[in-house]
Amino acid sequence: MTSKEIRDLSSDEITAKVRSAREELLQLRLRKQTGQVEKTSQIRVLRKDIARLLTIQNEKKSKATAAA
């Protein structure tokens, strides 16, 4: 997911995306331990997506508090 797409989402949608991405990351980690993951690079991609989501969410929160 690109940062432009994330910026178009509301804060509730971003929170939902973070939650689903964390669940997916957990599932990938568990499958990696059992040797069932073919694309181990997907774990890294998910971690970066989560970081991107959280960064933009924090930017939106700081803008909201600065505007208030």
Protein backbone atom coordinates (compact mmCIF):
# COMPACT_ATOMS: atom_id res chain seq x y z
CA MET A 1 0.00 0.00 0.00
CA THR A 2 1.44 3.36 -0.96
CA SER A 3 1.53 6.34 1.34
CA LYS A 4 -0.75 8.27 -1.02
CA GLU A 5 -3.41 5.58 -0.67
CA ILE A 6 -3.02 5.58 3.10
CA ARG A 7 -3.38 9.36 3.33
CA ASP A 8 -6.78 9.09 1.62
CA LEU A 9 -8.08 6.78 4.38
CA SER A 10 -9.76 7.94 7.56
CA SER A 11 -8.13 7.30 10.93
CA ASP A 12 -10.60 4.49 11.69
CA GLU A 13 -9.79 2.78 8.40
CA ILE A 14 -6.07 3.10 9.11
CA THR A 15 -6.56 1.52 12.53
CA ALA A 16 -8.44 -1.38 10.94
CA LYS A 17 -5.68 -1.83 8.33
CA VAL A 18 -3.01 -1.88 11.06
CA ARG A 19 -4.93 -4.51 13.00
CA SER A 20 -5.41 -6.74 9.95
CA ALA A 21 -1.78 -6.32 8.87
CA ARG A 22 -0.55 -7.30 12.35
CA GLU A 23 -2.77 -10.39 12.31
CA GLU A 24 -1.44 -11.35 8.89
CA LEU A 25 2.13 -10.81 10.08
CA LEU A 26 1.50 -13.08 13.05
CA GLN A 27 0.15 -15.79 10.76
CA LEU A 28 3.16 -15.46 8.47
CA ARG A 29 5.56 -15.74 11.39
CA LEU A 30 3.83 -18.86 12.63
CA ARG A 31 3.89 -20.41 9.16
CA LYS A 32 7.56 -19.49 8.81
CA GLN A 33 8.36 -21.42 11.96
CA THR A 34 6.74 -24.52 10.50
CA GLY A 35 8.48 -24.03 7.15
CA GLN A 36 5.34 -23.31 5.13
CA VAL A 37 6.21 -19.81 3.87
CA GLU A 38 7.55 -19.61 0.35
CA LYS A 39 8.00 -15.84 0.21
CA THR A 40 9.81 -14.86 3.36
CA SER A 41 10.23 -11.34 1.98
CA GLN A 42 6.50 -10.85 2.53
CA ILE A 43 7.20 -10.53 6.27
CA ARG A 44 9.48 -7.58 5.63
CA VAL A 45 6.93 -5.96 3.32
CA LEU A 46 4.21 -6.29 5.95
CA ARG A 47 6.43 -4.78 8.65
CA LYS A 48 7.13 -1.79 6.42
CA ASP A 49 3.43 -1.40 5.61
CA ILE A 50 2.59 -1.37 9.31
CA ALA A 51 5.26 1.26 9.95
CA ARG A 52 3.95 3.36 7.07
CA LEU A 53 0.38 3.12 8.39
CA LEU A 54 1.39 4.08 11.91
CA THR A 55 3.54 6.97 10.72
CA ILE A 56 0.74 8.52 8.71
CA GLN A 57 -1.73 7.91 11.53
CA ASN A 58 0.56 9.78 13.94
CA GLU A 59 0.97 12.61 11.43
CA LYS A 60 -2.80 12.97 11.21
CA LYS A 61 -3.11 13.00 15.01
CA SER A 62 -0.43 15.67 15.38
CA LYS A 63 -2.06 17.83 12.70
CA ALA A 64 -5.42 17.51 14.44
CA THR A 65 -3.99 18.56 17.79
CA ALA A 66 -2.03 21.42 16.23
CA ALA A 67 -5.15 22.71 14.47
CA ALA A 68 -7.24 22.57 17.66
